[in-house]
ModelCIF file with pLDDT and N, C-alpha, C, O atoms, coordinates in Angstrom:
data_MODEL
#
_entry.id   MODEL 
#
_entity.id                         1 
_entity.type                       polymer 
_entity.pdbx_number_of_molecules   1 
#
_entity_poly.entity_id                      1 
_entity_poly.type                           'polypeptide(L)' 
_entity_poly.nstd_linkage                   no 
_entity_poly.nstd_monomer                   no 
_entity_poly.pdbx_seq_one_letter_code       GGDYLCSVAYAVDSDGVIYVTDVTYTQEAMEVSERMVATMLERNDIR 
_entity_poly.pdbx_seq_one_letter_code_can   GGDYLCSVAYAVDSDGVIYVTDVTYTQEAMEVSERMVATMLERNDIR 
_entity_poly.pdbx_strand_id                 A 
#
loop_
_entity_poly_seq.entity_id 
_entity_poly_seq.num 
_entity_poly_seq.mon_id 
_entity_poly_seq.hetero 
1 1  GLY n 
1 2  GLY n 
1 3  ASP n 
1 4  TYR n 
1 5  LEU n 
1 6  CYS n 
1 7  SER n 
1 8  VAL n 
1 9  ALA n 
1 10 TYR n 
1 11 ALA n 
1 12 VAL n 
1 13 ASP n 
1 14 SER n 
1 15 ASP n 
1 16 GLY n 
1 17 VAL n 
1 18 ILE n 
1 19 TYR n 
1 20 VAL n 
1 21 THR n 
1 22 ASP n 
1 23 VAL n 
1 24 THR n 
1 25 TYR n 
1 26 THR n 
1 27 GLN n 
1 28 GLU n 
1 29 ALA n 
1 30 MET n 
1 31 GLU n 
1 32 VAL n 
1 33 SER n 
1 34 GLU n 
1 35 ARG n 
1 36 MET n 
1 37 VAL n 
1 38 ALA n 
1 39 THR n 
1 40 MET n 
1 41 LEU n 
1 42 GLU n 
1 43 ARG n 
1 44 ASN n 
1 45 ASP n 
1 46 ILE n 
1 47 ARG n 
#
_struct_asym.id          A 
_struct_asym.entity_id   1 
#
loop_
_ma_qa_metric.id 
_ma_qa_metric.mode 
_ma_qa_metric.name 
_ma_qa_metric.software_group_id 
_ma_qa_metric.type 
1 global pLDDT . pLDDT 
2 local  pLDDT . pLDDT 
#
_ma_qa_metric_global.metric_id      1 
_ma_qa_metric_global.metric_value   92.79 
_ma_qa_metric_global.model_id       1 
_ma_qa_metric_global.ordinal_id     1 
#
loop_
_ma_qa_metric_local.label_asym_id 
_ma_qa_metric_local.label_comp_id 
_ma_qa_metric_local.label_seq_id 
_ma_qa_metric_local.metric_id 
_ma_qa_metric_local.metric_value 
_ma_qa_metric_local.model_id 
_ma_qa_metric_local.ordinal_id 
A GLY 1  2 62.00 1 1  
A GLY 2  2 69.00 1 2  
A ASP 3  2 83.00 1 3  
A TYR 4  2 90.00 1 4  
A LEU 5  2 93.00 1 5  
A CYS 6  2 95.00 1 6  
A SER 7  2 97.00 1 7  
A VAL 8  2 98.00 1 8  
A ALA 9  2 97.00 1 9  
A TYR 10 2 97.00 1 10 
A ALA 11 2 96.00 1 11 
A VAL 12 2 95.00 1 12 
A ASP 13 2 93.00 1 13 
A SER 14 2 91.00 1 14 
A ASP 15 2 90.00 1 15 
A GLY 16 2 92.00 1 16 
A VAL 17 2 94.00 1 17 
A ILE 18 2 96.00 1 18 
A TYR 19 2 97.00 1 19 
A VAL 20 2 97.00 1 20 
A THR 21 2 97.00 1 21 
A ASP 22 2 97.00 1 22 
A VAL 23 2 97.00 1 23 
A THR 24 2 97.00 1 24 
A TYR 25 2 95.00 1 25 
A THR 26 2 92.00 1 26 
A GLN 27 2 88.00 1 27 
A GLU 28 2 88.00 1 28 
A ALA 29 2 87.00 1 29 
A MET 30 2 88.00 1 30 
A GLU 31 2 89.00 1 31 
A VAL 32 2 93.00 1 32 
A SER 33 2 93.00 1 33 
A GLU 34 2 94.00 1 34 
A ARG 35 2 95.00 1 35 
A MET 36 2 96.00 1 36 
A VAL 37 2 96.00 1 37 
A ALA 38 2 96.00 1 38 
A THR 39 2 97.00 1 39 
A MET 40 2 97.00 1 40 
A LEU 41 2 97.00 1 41 
A GLU 42 2 95.00 1 42 
A ARG 43 2 96.00 1 43 
A ASN 44 2 96.00 1 44 
A ASP 45 2 94.00 1 45 
A ILE 46 2 95.00 1 46 
A ARG 47 2 94.00 1 47 
#
loop_
_atom_site.group_PDB 
_atom_site.id 
_atom_site.type_symbol 
_atom_site.label_atom_id 
_atom_site.label_alt_id 
_atom_site.label_comp_id 
_atom_site.label_asym_id 
_atom_site.label_entity_id 
_atom_site.label_seq_id 
_atom_site.pdbx_PDB_ins_code 
_atom_site.Cartn_x 
_atom_site.Cartn_y 
_atom_site.Cartn_z 
_atom_site.occupancy 
_atom_site.B_iso_or_equiv 
_atom_site.pdbx_formal_charge 
_atom_site.auth_seq_id 
_atom_site.auth_comp_id 
_atom_site.auth_asym_id 
_atom_site.auth_atom_id 
_atom_site.pdbx_PDB_model_num 
ATOM 1   N N  . GLY A 1 1  ? 79.649 29.711 -21.145 1.00 62.00 ? 1  GLY A N  1 
ATOM 2   C CA . GLY A 1 1  ? 78.604 30.711 -21.326 1.00 62.00 ? 1  GLY A CA 1 
ATOM 3   C C  . GLY A 1 1  ? 77.605 30.373 -22.401 1.00 62.00 ? 1  GLY A C  1 
ATOM 4   O O  . GLY A 1 1  ? 76.449 30.784 -22.304 1.00 62.00 ? 1  GLY A O  1 
ATOM 5   N N  . GLY A 1 2  ? 78.010 29.621 -23.451 1.00 69.00 ? 2  GLY A N  1 
ATOM 6   C CA . GLY A 1 2  ? 77.099 29.308 -24.541 1.00 69.00 ? 2  GLY A CA 1 
ATOM 7   C C  . GLY A 1 2  ? 76.394 27.993 -24.382 1.00 69.00 ? 2  GLY A C  1 
ATOM 8   O O  . GLY A 1 2  ? 75.597 27.614 -25.240 1.00 69.00 ? 2  GLY A O  1 
ATOM 9   N N  . ASP A 1 3  ? 76.671 27.269 -23.282 1.00 83.00 ? 3  ASP A N  1 
ATOM 10  C CA . ASP A 1 3  ? 76.069 25.950 -23.083 1.00 83.00 ? 3  ASP A CA 1 
ATOM 11  C C  . ASP A 1 3  ? 74.789 26.048 -22.270 1.00 83.00 ? 3  ASP A C  1 
ATOM 12  O O  . ASP A 1 3  ? 74.469 27.087 -21.694 1.00 83.00 ? 3  ASP A O  1 
ATOM 13  N N  . TYR A 1 4  ? 74.073 24.939 -22.241 1.00 90.00 ? 4  TYR A N  1 
ATOM 14  C CA . TYR A 1 4  ? 72.827 24.855 -21.489 1.00 90.00 ? 4  TYR A CA 1 
ATOM 15  C C  . TYR A 1 4  ? 73.034 24.068 -20.201 1.00 90.00 ? 4  TYR A C  1 
ATOM 16  O O  . TYR A 1 4  ? 73.774 23.084 -20.178 1.00 90.00 ? 4  TYR A O  1 
ATOM 17  N N  . LEU A 1 5  ? 72.382 24.502 -19.140 1.00 93.00 ? 5  LEU A N  1 
ATOM 18  C CA . LEU A 1 5  ? 72.175 23.607 -18.015 1.00 93.00 ? 5  LEU A CA 1 
ATOM 19  C C  . LEU A 1 5  ? 71.031 22.690 -18.403 1.00 93.00 ? 5  LEU A C  1 
ATOM 20  O O  . LEU A 1 5  ? 69.978 23.147 -18.847 1.00 93.00 ? 5  LEU A O  1 
ATOM 21  N N  . CYS A 1 6  ? 71.244 21.399 -18.232 1.00 95.00 ? 6  CYS A N  1 
ATOM 22  C CA . CYS A 1 6  ? 70.211 20.424 -18.594 1.00 95.00 ? 6  CYS A CA 1 
ATOM 23  C C  . CYS A 1 6  ? 69.900 19.566 -17.386 1.00 95.00 ? 6  CYS A C  1 
ATOM 24  O O  . CYS A 1 6  ? 70.785 18.910 -16.835 1.00 95.00 ? 6  CYS A O  1 
ATOM 25  N N  . SER A 1 7  ? 68.645 19.570 -16.976 1.00 97.00 ? 7  SER A N  1 
ATOM 26  C CA . SER A 1 7  ? 68.185 18.737 -15.862 1.00 97.00 ? 7  SER A CA 1 
ATOM 27  C C  . SER A 1 7  ? 66.920 18.014 -16.301 1.00 97.00 ? 7  SER A C  1 
ATOM 28  O O  . SER A 1 7  ? 65.962 18.648 -16.744 1.00 97.00 ? 7  SER A O  1 
ATOM 29  N N  . VAL A 1 8  ? 66.911 16.701 -16.181 1.00 98.00 ? 8  VAL A N  1 
ATOM 30  C CA . VAL A 1 8  ? 65.799 15.881 -16.656 1.00 98.00 ? 8  VAL A CA 1 
ATOM 31  C C  . VAL A 1 8  ? 65.217 15.072 -15.499 1.00 98.00 ? 8  VAL A C  1 
ATOM 32  O O  . VAL A 1 8  ? 65.926 14.321 -14.829 1.00 98.00 ? 8  VAL A O  1 
ATOM 33  N N  . ALA A 1 9  ? 63.920 15.239 -15.279 1.00 97.00 ? 9  ALA A N  1 
ATOM 34  C CA . ALA A 1 9  ? 63.197 14.400 -14.313 1.00 97.00 ? 9  ALA A CA 1 
ATOM 35  C C  . ALA A 1 9  ? 62.575 13.229 -15.067 1.00 97.00 ? 9  ALA A C  1 
ATOM 36  O O  . ALA A 1 9  ? 62.101 13.390 -16.192 1.00 97.00 ? 9  ALA A O  1 
ATOM 37  N N  . TYR A 1 10 ? 62.580 12.054 -14.446 1.00 97.00 ? 10 TYR A N  1 
ATOM 38  C CA . TYR A 1 10 ? 62.100 10.865 -15.156 1.00 97.00 ? 10 TYR A CA 1 
ATOM 39  C C  . TYR A 1 10 ? 61.504 9.848  -14.183 1.00 97.00 ? 10 TYR A C  1 
ATOM 40  O O  . TYR A 1 10 ? 61.701 9.917  -12.970 1.00 97.00 ? 10 TYR A O  1 
ATOM 41  N N  . ALA A 1 11 ? 60.772 8.911  -14.764 1.00 96.00 ? 11 ALA A N  1 
ATOM 42  C CA . ALA A 1 11 ? 60.202 7.796  -14.000 1.00 96.00 ? 11 ALA A CA 1 
ATOM 43  C C  . ALA A 1 11 ? 60.574 6.496  -14.701 1.00 96.00 ? 11 ALA A C  1 
ATOM 44  O O  . ALA A 1 11 ? 60.695 6.457  -15.925 1.00 96.00 ? 11 ALA A O  1 
ATOM 45  N N  . VAL A 1 12 ? 60.759 5.419  -13.913 1.00 95.00 ? 12 VAL A N  1 
ATOM 46  C CA . VAL A 1 12 ? 61.176 4.124  -14.461 1.00 95.00 ? 12 VAL A CA 1 
ATOM 47  C C  . VAL A 1 12 ? 60.126 3.079  -14.108 1.00 95.00 ? 12 VAL A C  1 
ATOM 48  O O  . VAL A 1 12 ? 59.717 2.978  -12.951 1.00 95.00 ? 12 VAL A O  1 
ATOM 49  N N  . ASP A 1 13 ? 59.682 2.293  -15.103 1.00 93.00 ? 13 ASP A N  1 
ATOM 50  C CA . ASP A 1 13 ? 58.698 1.250  -14.818 1.00 93.00 ? 13 ASP A CA 1 
ATOM 51  C C  . ASP A 1 13 ? 59.386 -0.067 -14.473 1.00 93.00 ? 13 ASP A C  1 
ATOM 52  O O  . ASP A 1 13 ? 60.614 -0.153 -14.453 1.00 93.00 ? 13 ASP A O  1 
ATOM 53  N N  . SER A 1 14 ? 58.586 -1.079 -14.204 1.00 91.00 ? 14 SER A N  1 
ATOM 54  C CA . SER A 1 14 ? 59.133 -2.361 -13.759 1.00 91.00 ? 14 SER A CA 1 
ATOM 55  C C  . SER A 1 14 ? 59.940 -3.073 -14.829 1.00 91.00 ? 14 SER A C  1 
ATOM 56  O O  . SER A 1 14 ? 60.714 -3.977 -14.515 1.00 91.00 ? 14 SER A O  1 
ATOM 57  N N  . ASP A 1 15 ? 59.776 -2.684 -16.092 1.00 90.00 ? 15 ASP A N  1 
ATOM 58  C CA . ASP A 1 15 ? 60.563 -3.272 -17.179 1.00 90.00 ? 15 ASP A CA 1 
ATOM 59  C C  . ASP A 1 15 ? 61.828 -2.481 -17.488 1.00 90.00 ? 15 ASP A C  1 
ATOM 60  O O  . ASP A 1 15 ? 62.586 -2.840 -18.389 1.00 90.00 ? 15 ASP A O  1 
ATOM 61  N N  . GLY A 1 16 ? 62.050 -1.417 -16.749 1.00 92.00 ? 16 GLY A N  1 
ATOM 62  C CA . GLY A 1 16 ? 63.249 -0.624 -16.962 1.00 92.00 ? 16 GLY A CA 1 
ATOM 63  C C  . GLY A 1 16 ? 63.109 0.453  -18.024 1.00 92.00 ? 16 GLY A C  1 
ATOM 64  O O  . GLY A 1 16 ? 64.096 1.097  -18.380 1.00 92.00 ? 16 GLY A O  1 
ATOM 65  N N  . VAL A 1 17 ? 61.892 0.663  -18.541 1.00 94.00 ? 17 VAL A N  1 
ATOM 66  C CA . VAL A 1 17 ? 61.668 1.735  -19.510 1.00 94.00 ? 17 VAL A CA 1 
ATOM 67  C C  . VAL A 1 17 ? 61.673 3.072  -18.768 1.00 94.00 ? 17 VAL A C  1 
ATOM 68  O O  . VAL A 1 17 ? 61.084 3.197  -17.694 1.00 94.00 ? 17 VAL A O  1 
ATOM 69  N N  . ILE A 1 18 ? 62.337 4.059  -19.345 1.00 96.00 ? 18 ILE A N  1 
ATOM 70  C CA . ILE A 1 18 ? 62.518 5.360  -18.702 1.00 96.00 ? 18 ILE A CA 1 
ATOM 71  C C  . ILE A 1 18 ? 61.605 6.387  -19.381 1.00 96.00 ? 18 ILE A C  1 
ATOM 72  O O  . ILE A 1 18 ? 61.656 6.572  -20.597 1.00 96.00 ? 18 ILE A O  1 
ATOM 73  N N  . TYR A 1 19 ? 60.771 7.047  -18.577 1.00 97.00 ? 19 TYR A N  1 
ATOM 74  C CA . TYR A 1 19 ? 59.830 8.038  -19.089 1.00 97.00 ? 19 TYR A CA 1 
ATOM 75  C C  . TYR A 1 19 ? 60.252 9.428  -18.625 1.00 97.00 ? 19 TYR A C  1 
ATOM 76  O O  . TYR A 1 19 ? 60.230 9.720  -17.429 1.00 97.00 ? 19 TYR A O  1 
ATOM 77  N N  . VAL A 1 20 ? 60.632 10.279 -19.561 1.00 97.00 ? 20 VAL A N  1 
ATOM 78  C CA . VAL A 1 20 ? 60.961 11.665 -19.220 1.00 97.00 ? 20 VAL A CA 1 
ATOM 79  C C  . VAL A 1 20 ? 59.675 12.387 -18.835 1.00 97.00 ? 20 VAL A C  1 
ATOM 80  O O  . VAL A 1 20 ? 58.701 12.378 -19.588 1.00 97.00 ? 20 VAL A O  1 
ATOM 81  N N  . THR A 1 21 ? 59.674 13.010 -17.661 1.00 97.00 ? 21 THR A N  1 
ATOM 82  C CA . THR A 1 21 ? 58.469 13.692 -17.194 1.00 97.00 ? 21 THR A CA 1 
ATOM 83  C C  . THR A 1 21 ? 58.602 15.214 -17.181 1.00 97.00 ? 21 THR A C  1 
ATOM 84  O O  . THR A 1 21 ? 57.603 15.930 -17.241 1.00 97.00 ? 21 THR A O  1 
ATOM 85  N N  . ASP A 1 22 ? 59.840 15.703 -17.102 1.00 97.00 ? 22 ASP A N  1 
ATOM 86  C CA . ASP A 1 22 ? 60.029 17.153 -17.066 1.00 97.00 ? 22 ASP A CA 1 
ATOM 87  C C  . ASP A 1 22 ? 61.474 17.478 -17.432 1.00 97.00 ? 22 ASP A C  1 
ATOM 88  O O  . ASP A 1 22 ? 62.371 16.651 -17.268 1.00 97.00 ? 22 ASP A O  1 
ATOM 89  N N  . VAL A 1 23 ? 61.681 18.694 -17.930 1.00 97.00 ? 23 VAL A N  1 
ATOM 90  C CA . VAL A 1 23 ? 63.013 19.117 -18.357 1.00 97.00 ? 23 VAL A CA 1 
ATOM 91  C C  . VAL A 1 23 ? 63.226 20.584 -18.005 1.00 97.00 ? 23 VAL A C  1 
ATOM 92  O O  . VAL A 1 23 ? 62.351 21.422 -18.224 1.00 97.00 ? 23 VAL A O  1 
ATOM 93  N N  . THR A 1 24 ? 64.378 20.878 -17.466 1.00 97.00 ? 24 THR A N  1 
ATOM 94  C CA . THR A 1 24 ? 64.854 22.256 -17.351 1.00 97.00 ? 24 THR A CA 1 
ATOM 95  C C  . THR A 1 24 ? 66.069 22.379 -18.252 1.00 97.00 ? 24 THR A C  1 
ATOM 96  O O  . THR A 1 24 ? 67.087 21.718 -18.046 1.00 97.00 ? 24 THR A O  1 
ATOM 97  N N  . TYR A 1 25 ? 65.944 23.232 -19.247 1.00 95.00 ? 25 TYR A N  1 
ATOM 98  C CA . TYR A 1 25 ? 67.003 23.373 -20.253 1.00 95.00 ? 25 TYR A CA 1 
ATOM 99  C C  . TYR A 1 25 ? 67.183 24.851 -20.493 1.00 95.00 ? 25 TYR A C  1 
ATOM 100 O O  . TYR A 1 25 ? 66.388 25.470 -21.202 1.00 95.00 ? 25 TYR A O  1 
ATOM 101 N N  . THR A 1 26 ? 68.226 25.430 -19.906 1.00 92.00 ? 26 THR A N  1 
ATOM 102 C CA . THR A 1 26 ? 68.302 26.886 -19.860 1.00 92.00 ? 26 THR A CA 1 
ATOM 103 C C  . THR A 1 26 ? 69.740 27.374 -19.912 1.00 92.00 ? 26 THR A C  1 
ATOM 104 O O  . THR A 1 26 ? 70.675 26.664 -19.542 1.00 92.00 ? 26 THR A O  1 
ATOM 105 N N  . GLN A 1 27 ? 69.888 28.599 -20.379 1.00 88.00 ? 27 GLN A N  1 
ATOM 106 C CA . GLN A 1 27 ? 71.180 29.280 -20.367 1.00 88.00 ? 27 GLN A CA 1 
ATOM 107 C C  . GLN A 1 27 ? 71.198 30.395 -19.322 1.00 88.00 ? 27 GLN A C  1 
ATOM 108 O O  . GLN A 1 27 ? 72.079 31.255 -19.336 1.00 88.00 ? 27 GLN A O  1 
ATOM 109 N N  . GLU A 1 28 ? 70.222 30.371 -18.421 1.00 88.00 ? 28 GLU A N  1 
ATOM 110 C CA . GLU A 1 28 ? 70.175 31.368 -17.354 1.00 88.00 ? 28 GLU A CA 1 
ATOM 111 C C  . GLU A 1 28 ? 71.347 31.183 -16.395 1.00 88.00 ? 28 GLU A C  1 
ATOM 112 O O  . GLU A 1 28 ? 71.970 30.122 -16.360 1.00 88.00 ? 28 GLU A O  1 
ATOM 113 N N  . ALA A 1 29 ? 71.642 32.228 -15.617 1.00 87.00 ? 29 ALA A N  1 
ATOM 114 C CA . ALA A 1 29 ? 72.719 32.170 -14.638 1.00 87.00 ? 29 ALA A CA 1 
ATOM 115 C C  . ALA A 1 29 ? 72.411 31.126 -13.569 1.00 87.00 ? 29 ALA A C  1 
ATOM 116 O O  . ALA A 1 29 ? 71.260 30.732 -13.378 1.00 87.00 ? 29 ALA A O  1 
ATOM 117 N N  . MET A 1 30 ? 73.471 30.681 -12.870 1.00 88.00 ? 30 MET A N  1 
ATOM 118 C CA . MET A 1 30 ? 73.340 29.593 -11.901 1.00 88.00 ? 30 MET A CA 1 
ATOM 119 C C  . MET A 1 30 ? 72.314 29.895 -10.808 1.00 88.00 ? 30 MET A C  1 
ATOM 120 O O  . MET A 1 30 ? 71.551 29.014 -10.410 1.00 88.00 ? 30 MET A O  1 
ATOM 121 N N  . GLU A 1 31 ? 72.294 31.130 -10.326 1.00 89.00 ? 31 GLU A N  1 
ATOM 122 C CA . GLU A 1 31 ? 71.370 31.446 -9.238  1.00 89.00 ? 31 GLU A CA 1 
ATOM 123 C C  . GLU A 1 31 ? 69.908 31.349 -9.682  1.00 89.00 ? 31 GLU A C  1 
ATOM 124 O O  . GLU A 1 31 ? 69.021 31.134 -8.856  1.00 89.00 ? 31 GLU A O  1 
ATOM 125 N N  . VAL A 1 32 ? 69.657 31.508 -10.989 1.00 93.00 ? 32 VAL A N  1 
ATOM 126 C CA . VAL A 1 32 ? 68.304 31.361 -11.524 1.00 93.00 ? 32 VAL A CA 1 
ATOM 127 C C  . VAL A 1 32 ? 68.002 29.903 -11.803 1.00 93.00 ? 32 VAL A C  1 
ATOM 128 O O  . VAL A 1 32 ? 66.930 29.410 -11.451 1.00 93.00 ? 32 VAL A O  1 
ATOM 129 N N  . SER A 1 33 ? 68.945 29.204 -12.439 1.00 93.00 ? 33 SER A N  1 
ATOM 130 C CA . SER A 1 33 ? 68.705 27.802 -12.804 1.00 93.00 ? 33 SER A CA 1 
ATOM 131 C C  . SER A 1 33 ? 68.580 26.902 -11.582 1.00 93.00 ? 33 SER A C  1 
ATOM 132 O O  . SER A 1 33 ? 67.885 25.888 -11.635 1.00 93.00 ? 33 SER A O  1 
ATOM 133 N N  . GLU A 1 34 ? 69.241 27.257 -10.477 1.00 94.00 ? 34 GLU A N  1 
ATOM 134 C CA . GLU A 1 34 ? 69.104 26.465 -9.243  1.00 94.00 ? 34 GLU A CA 1 
ATOM 135 C C  . GLU A 1 34 ? 67.648 26.415 -8.796  1.00 94.00 ? 34 GLU A C  1 
ATOM 136 O O  . GLU A 1 34 ? 67.141 25.350 -8.443  1.00 94.00 ? 34 GLU A O  1 
ATOM 137 N N  . ARG A 1 35 ? 66.981 27.556 -8.811  1.00 95.00 ? 35 ARG A N  1 
ATOM 138 C CA . ARG A 1 35 ? 65.580 27.619 -8.389  1.00 95.00 ? 35 ARG A CA 1 
ATOM 139 C C  . ARG A 1 35 ? 64.674 26.901 -9.398  1.00 95.00 ? 35 ARG A C  1 
ATOM 140 O O  . ARG A 1 35 ? 63.693 26.260 -9.021  1.00 95.00 ? 35 ARG A O  1 
ATOM 141 N N  . MET A 1 36 ? 65.017 27.017 -10.677 1.00 96.00 ? 36 MET A N  1 
ATOM 142 C CA . MET A 1 36 ? 64.218 26.341 -11.698 1.00 96.00 ? 36 MET A CA 1 
ATOM 143 C C  . MET A 1 36 ? 64.256 24.831 -11.507 1.00 96.00 ? 36 MET A C  1 
ATOM 144 O O  . MET A 1 36 ? 63.222 24.167 -11.588 1.00 96.00 ? 36 MET A O  1 
ATOM 145 N N  . VAL A 1 37 ? 65.444 24.284 -11.253 1.00 96.00 ? 37 VAL A N  1 
ATOM 146 C CA . VAL A 1 37 ? 65.574 22.838 -11.069 1.00 96.00 ? 37 VAL A CA 1 
ATOM 147 C C  . VAL A 1 37 ? 64.895 22.404 -9.772  1.00 96.00 ? 37 VAL A C  1 
ATOM 148 O O  . VAL A 1 37 ? 64.221 21.374 -9.745  1.00 96.00 ? 37 VAL A O  1 
ATOM 149 N N  . ALA A 1 38 ? 65.062 23.178 -8.695  1.00 96.00 ? 38 ALA A N  1 
ATOM 150 C CA . ALA A 1 38 ? 64.418 22.836 -7.421  1.00 96.00 ? 38 ALA A CA 1 
ATOM 151 C C  . ALA A 1 38 ? 62.907 22.781 -7.575  1.00 96.00 ? 38 ALA A C  1 
ATOM 152 O O  . ALA A 1 38 ? 62.258 21.873 -7.054  1.00 96.00 ? 38 ALA A O  1 
ATOM 153 N N  . THR A 1 39 ? 62.353 23.739 -8.280  1.00 97.00 ? 39 THR A N  1 
ATOM 154 C CA . THR A 1 39 ? 60.903 23.753 -8.533  1.00 97.00 ? 39 THR A CA 1 
ATOM 155 C C  . THR A 1 39 ? 60.489 22.532 -9.348  1.00 97.00 ? 39 THR A C  1 
ATOM 156 O O  . THR A 1 39 ? 59.451 21.929 -9.076  1.00 97.00 ? 39 THR A O  1 
ATOM 157 N N  . MET A 1 40 ? 61.283 22.167 -10.336 1.00 97.00 ? 40 MET A N  1 
ATOM 158 C CA . MET A 1 40 ? 60.970 20.994 -11.160 1.00 97.00 ? 40 MET A CA 1 
ATOM 159 C C  . MET A 1 40 ? 60.981 19.712 -10.319 1.00 97.00 ? 40 MET A C  1 
ATOM 160 O O  . MET A 1 40 ? 60.117 18.851 -10.487 1.00 97.00 ? 40 MET A O  1 
ATOM 161 N N  . LEU A 1 41 ? 61.950 19.587 -9.424  1.00 97.00 ? 41 LEU A N  1 
ATOM 162 C CA . LEU A 1 41 ? 62.017 18.385 -8.578  1.00 97.00 ? 41 LEU A CA 1 
ATOM 163 C C  . LEU A 1 41 ? 60.781 18.270 -7.698  1.00 97.00 ? 41 LEU A C  1 
ATOM 164 O O  . LEU A 1 41 ? 60.217 17.188 -7.543  1.00 97.00 ? 41 LEU A O  1 
ATOM 165 N N  . GLU A 1 42 ? 60.368 19.388 -7.128  1.00 95.00 ? 42 GLU A N  1 
ATOM 166 C CA . GLU A 1 42 ? 59.169 19.386 -6.275  1.00 95.00 ? 42 GLU A CA 1 
ATOM 167 C C  . GLU A 1 42 ? 57.925 19.069 -7.099  1.00 95.00 ? 42 GLU A C  1 
ATOM 168 O O  . GLU A 1 42 ? 57.062 18.313 -6.653  1.00 95.00 ? 42 GLU A O  1 
ATOM 169 N N  . ARG A 1 43 ? 57.829 19.635 -8.282  1.00 96.00 ? 43 ARG A N  1 
ATOM 170 C CA . ARG A 1 43 ? 56.663 19.445 -9.147  1.00 96.00 ? 43 ARG A CA 1 
ATOM 171 C C  . ARG A 1 43 ? 56.502 17.986 -9.567  1.00 96.00 ? 43 ARG A C  1 
ATOM 172 O O  . ARG A 1 43 ? 55.382 17.511 -9.757  1.00 96.00 ? 43 ARG A O  1 
ATOM 173 N N  . ASN A 1 44 ? 57.617 17.282 -9.709  1.00 96.00 ? 44 ASN A N  1 
ATOM 174 C CA . ASN A 1 44 ? 57.590 15.901 -10.187 1.00 96.00 ? 44 ASN A CA 1 
ATOM 175 C C  . ASN A 1 44 ? 57.762 14.865 -9.076  1.00 96.00 ? 44 ASN A C  1 
ATOM 176 O O  . ASN A 1 44 ? 57.955 13.677 -9.338  1.00 96.00 ? 44 ASN A O  1 
ATOM 177 N N  . ASP A 1 45 ? 57.687 15.344 -7.820  1.00 94.00 ? 45 ASP A N  1 
ATOM 178 C CA . ASP A 1 45 ? 57.765 14.448 -6.655  1.00 94.00 ? 45 ASP A CA 1 
ATOM 179 C C  . ASP A 1 45 ? 59.045 13.598 -6.693  1.00 94.00 ? 45 ASP A C  1 
ATOM 180 O O  . ASP A 1 45 ? 59.009 12.390 -6.458  1.00 94.00 ? 45 ASP A O  1 
ATOM 181 N N  . ILE A 1 46 ? 60.160 14.246 -6.988  1.00 95.00 ? 46 ILE A N  1 
ATOM 182 C CA . ILE A 1 46 ? 61.452 13.565 -7.051  1.00 95.00 ? 46 ILE A CA 1 
ATOM 183 C C  . ILE A 1 46 ? 62.053 13.509 -5.653  1.00 95.00 ? 46 ILE A C  1 
ATOM 184 O O  . ILE A 1 46 ? 62.056 14.504 -4.929  1.00 95.00 ? 46 ILE A O  1 
ATOM 185 N N  . ARG A 1 47 ? 62.556 12.350 -5.282  1.00 94.00 ? 47 ARG A N  1 
ATOM 186 C CA . ARG A 1 47 ? 63.176 12.180 -3.965  1.00 94.00 ? 47 ARG A CA 1 
ATOM 187 C C  . ARG A 1 47 ? 64.684 11.939 -4.059  1.00 94.00 ? 47 ARG A C  1 
ATOM 188 O O  . ARG A 1 47 ? 65.348 11.778 -3.035  1.00 94.00 ? 47 ARG A O  1 
#
């Protein structure tokens, strides 16, 4: 109950450097955080 759901969207370049592009970091209930992460994936064109 006191922990965070953490979801990080990122991009990787040809040298292997990792660029964080978006973060969902929340203590909301699962039914809320599911939609938050889904929206983040769509926003960042994650496949």
